[in-house]
Amino acid sequence: MKLVTAVIKPFKLDDVRAALSEVGVQGITATEVKGFGRQKGHTELYRGAEYVVDFLPKVKLEIAVSDDQVERVIEAVAKSANTGKIGDGKIFVSALEQVIRIRTGETGEEAI
């Protein structure tokens, strides 16, 4: 099992969710986060004063999947989140040692 973590632009969330649904993903966790990478933030004007916004709003998705779904999930996220502009985000894949469904006590892939 793997945990696919994607950090994407907020306005792409619906597109990514739809793409994941098409490849058979049944659940995701989405969190509003702030961060920066190469995009570095931007300058804004507020009441005549200029200031730098270092952290930009992003959405962090966490998707627990079986090993055979990983490549389809990565492809779905990468295609649907891509705008071709800087700041499109990143995808991280890490090993998932154990999953437990609290309600039923199921473990492993049955719990996903």
C-alpha atoms as a PDB file:
ATOM      1  CA  MET A   1       0.000   0.000   0.000  1.00  0.00           C
ATOM      2  CA  LYS A   2       1.104   3.548  -0.687  1.00  0.00           C
ATOM      3  CA  LEU A   3       0.160   7.007   0.501  1.00  0.00           C
ATOM      4  CA  VAL A   4       0.062   9.457  -2.396  1.00  0.00           C
ATOM      5  CA  THR A   5       0.307  13.057  -1.186  1.00  0.00           C
ATOM      6  CA  ALA A   6      -0.298  15.816  -3.697  1.00  0.00           C
ATOM      7  CA  VAL A   7      -0.028  19.564  -3.187  1.00  0.00           C
ATOM      8  CA  ILE A   8      -2.031  21.391  -5.849  1.00  0.00           C
ATOM      9  CA  LYS A   9      -3.543  24.769  -6.682  1.00  0.00           C
ATOM     10  CA  PRO A  10      -6.919  25.199  -4.917  1.00  0.00           C
ATOM     11  CA  PHE A  11      -8.941  25.855  -8.077  1.00  0.00           C
ATOM     12  CA  LYS A  12      -7.851  22.470  -9.500  1.00  0.00           C
ATOM     13  CA  LEU A  13      -9.385  20.474  -6.622  1.00  0.00           C
ATOM     14  CA  ASP A  14     -12.650  19.626  -8.406  1.00  0.00           C
ATOM     15  CA  ASP A  15     -10.823  18.526 -11.558  1.00  0.00           C
ATOM     16  CA  VAL A  16      -8.462  16.299  -9.557  1.00  0.00           C
ATOM     17  CA  ARG A  17     -11.302  14.811  -7.517  1.00  0.00           C
ATOM     18  CA  ALA A  18     -13.203  13.939 -10.701  1.00  0.00           C
ATOM     19  CA  ALA A  19     -10.098  12.387 -12.296  1.00  0.00           C
ATOM     20  CA  LEU A  20      -9.420  10.294  -9.183  1.00  0.00           C
ATOM     21  CA  SER A  21     -13.015   9.131  -9.121  1.00  0.00           C
ATOM     22  CA  GLU A  22     -12.660   7.963 -12.747  1.00  0.00           C
ATOM     23  CA  VAL A  23      -9.669   5.753 -11.859  1.00  0.00           C
ATOM     24  CA  GLY A  24     -11.512   4.136  -8.969  1.00  0.00           C
ATOM     25  CA  VAL A  25     -10.315   6.081  -5.929  1.00  0.00           C
ATOM     26  CA  GLN A  26     -13.039   5.912  -3.291  1.00  0.00           C
ATOM     27  CA  GLY A  27     -11.722   8.383  -0.745  1.00  0.00           C
ATOM     28  CA  ILE A  28      -9.331  11.266  -0.342  1.00  0.00           C
ATOM     29  CA  THR A  29      -8.455  13.683   2.425  1.00  0.00           C
ATOM     30  CA  ALA A  30      -8.112  17.323   1.387  1.00  0.00           C
ATOM     31  CA  THR A  31      -6.556  19.979   3.604  1.00  0.00           C
ATOM     32  CA  GLU A  32      -6.154  23.685   2.919  1.00  0.00           C
ATOM     33  CA  VAL A  33      -2.473  24.512   3.420  1.00  0.00           C
ATOM     34  CA  LYS A  34      -0.038  27.321   2.682  1.00  0.00           C
ATOM     35  CA  GLY A  35       3.436  26.989   1.284  1.00  0.00           C
ATOM     36  CA  PHE A  36       5.913  27.946  -1.373  1.00  0.00           C
ATOM     37  CA  GLY A  37       8.496  26.376  -3.603  1.00  0.00           C
ATOM     38  CA  ARG A  38      10.057  27.867  -6.692  1.00  0.00           C
ATOM     39  CA  GLN A  39       6.996  30.084  -7.039  1.00  0.00           C
ATOM     40  CA  LYS A  40       8.324  32.065  -4.030  1.00  0.00           C
ATOM     41  CA  GLY A  41       5.172  34.064  -3.300  1.00  0.00           C
ATOM     42  CA  HIS A  42       4.232  37.465  -4.647  1.00  0.00           C
ATOM     43  CA  THR A  43       3.893  41.141  -3.739  1.00  0.00           C
ATOM     44  CA  GLU A  44       0.513  42.692  -2.911  1.00  0.00           C
ATOM     45  CA  LEU A  45      -0.716  46.180  -2.141  1.00  0.00           C
ATOM     46  CA  TYR A  46      -2.860  46.734   0.966  1.00  0.00           C
ATOM     47  CA  ARG A  47      -4.007  50.206   1.993  1.00  0.00           C
ATOM     48  CA  GLY A  48      -1.187  51.769   0.033  1.00  0.00           C
ATOM     49  CA  ALA A  49       1.519  49.603   1.585  1.00  0.00           C
ATOM     50  CA  GLU A  50       3.331  46.958  -0.402  1.00  0.00           C
ATOM     51  CA  TYR A  51       4.014  43.628   1.294  1.00  0.00           C
ATOM     52  CA  VAL A  52       5.245  40.201   0.302  1.00  0.00           C
ATOM     53  CA  VAL A  53       2.997  37.168   0.564  1.00  0.00           C
ATOM     54  CA  ASP A  54       5.521  34.382   1.204  1.00  0.00           C
ATOM     55  CA  PHE A  55       3.089  31.506   1.641  1.00  0.00           C
ATOM     56  CA  LEU A  56       0.580  30.800  -1.093  1.00  0.00           C
ATOM     57  CA  PRO A  57      -2.700  28.916  -0.589  1.00  0.00           C
ATOM     58  CA  LYS A  58      -2.577  25.288  -1.733  1.00  0.00           C
ATOM     59  CA  VAL A  59      -4.601  22.120  -1.214  1.00  0.00           C
ATOM     60  CA  LYS A  60      -2.910  19.006   0.135  1.00  0.00           C
ATOM     61  CA  LEU A  61      -4.501  15.717  -0.905  1.00  0.00           C
ATOM     62  CA  GLU A  62      -3.773  12.428   0.819  1.00  0.00           C
ATOM     63  CA  ILE A  63      -4.815   9.277  -1.009  1.00  0.00           C
ATOM     64  CA  ALA A  64      -4.249   5.784   0.385  1.00  0.00           C
ATOM     65  CA  VAL A  65      -4.113   3.251  -2.454  1.00  0.00           C
ATOM     66  CA  SER A  66      -3.101  -0.327  -3.162  1.00  0.00           C
ATOM     67  CA  ASP A  67       0.209  -0.831  -4.973  1.00  0.00           C
ATOM     68  CA  ASP A  68      -1.507  -1.635  -8.269  1.00  0.00           C
ATOM     69  CA  GLN A  69      -3.380   1.720  -8.274  1.00  0.00           C
ATOM     70  CA  VAL A  70      -0.379   3.982  -7.659  1.00  0.00           C
ATOM     71  CA  GLU A  71       0.591   4.737 -11.266  1.00  0.00           C
ATOM     72  CA  ARG A  72      -3.020   5.442 -12.317  1.00  0.00           C
ATOM     73  CA  VAL A  73      -3.467   7.806  -9.356  1.00  0.00           C
ATOM     74  CA  ILE A  74      -0.226   9.662 -10.095  1.00  0.00           C
ATOM     75  CA  GLU A  75      -1.183  10.038 -13.751  1.00  0.00           C
ATOM     76  CA  ALA A  76      -4.705  11.240 -12.903  1.00  0.00           C
ATOM     77  CA  VAL A  77      -3.433  13.865 -10.452  1.00  0.00           C
ATOM     78  CA  ALA A  78      -0.599  15.029 -12.718  1.00  0.00           C
ATOM     79  CA  LYS A  79      -2.870  15.467 -15.758  1.00  0.00           C
ATOM     80  CA  SER A  80      -5.787  17.103 -13.970  1.00  0.00           C
ATOM     81  CA  ALA A  81      -3.720  19.476 -11.788  1.00  0.00           C
ATOM     82  CA  ASN A  82      -1.457  20.665 -14.607  1.00  0.00           C
ATOM     83  CA  THR A  83      -1.854  24.255 -15.784  1.00  0.00           C
ATOM     84  CA  GLY A  84       1.601  24.473 -17.334  1.00  0.00           C
ATOM     85  CA  LYS A  85       2.508  27.371 -15.050  1.00  0.00           C
ATOM     86  CA  ILE A  86       4.867  27.569 -12.097  1.00  0.00           C
ATOM     87  CA  GLY A  87       3.287  26.477  -8.809  1.00  0.00           C
ATOM     88  CA  ASP A  88       1.252  23.548 -10.165  1.00  0.00           C
ATOM     89  CA  GLY A  89       2.412  21.498  -7.193  1.00  0.00           C
ATOM     90  CA  LYS A  90       4.098  18.237  -6.312  1.00  0.00           C
ATOM     91  CA  ILE A  91       3.216  14.570  -5.833  1.00  0.00           C
ATOM     92  CA  PHE A  92       4.880  12.483  -3.130  1.00  0.00           C
ATOM     93  CA  VAL A  93       4.568   8.706  -2.804  1.00  0.00           C
ATOM     94  CA  SER A  94       5.435   6.933   0.432  1.00  0.00           C
ATOM     95  CA  ALA A  95       5.026   3.432   1.790  1.00  0.00           C
ATOM     96  CA  LEU A  96       1.996   2.841   3.965  1.00  0.00           C
ATOM     97  CA  GLU A  97       2.688   0.194   6.573  1.00  0.00           C
ATOM     98  CA  GLN A  98      -0.777  -0.355   7.936  1.00  0.00           C
ATOM     99  CA  VAL A  99      -4.357   0.867   7.542  1.00  0.00           C
ATOM    100  CA  ILE A 100      -7.157   0.133  10.003  1.00  0.00           C
ATOM    101  CA  ARG A 101     -10.834   0.966   9.481  1.00  0.00           C
ATOM    102  CA  ILE A 102     -12.008   2.088  12.903  1.00  0.00           C
ATOM    103  CA  ARG A 103     -15.668   1.109  12.453  1.00  0.00           C
ATOM    104  CA  THR A 104     -15.119  -2.511  11.406  1.00  0.00           C
ATOM    105  CA  GLY A 105     -11.576  -3.262  12.509  1.00  0.00           C
ATOM    106  CA  GLU A 106     -10.605  -4.259   8.937  1.00  0.00           C
ATOM    107  CA  THR A 107      -6.899  -3.929   8.227  1.00  0.00           C
ATOM    108  CA  GLY A 108      -4.645  -3.647   5.188  1.00  0.00           C
ATOM    109  CA  GLU A 109      -6.060  -3.136   1.699  1.00  0.00           C
ATOM    110  CA  GLU A 110      -9.566  -4.126   2.851  1.00  0.00           C
ATOM    111  CA  ALA A 111      -9.559  -0.999   5.026  1.00  0.00           C
ATOM    112  CA  ILE A 112      -8.782   1.301   2.096  1.00  0.00           C
END
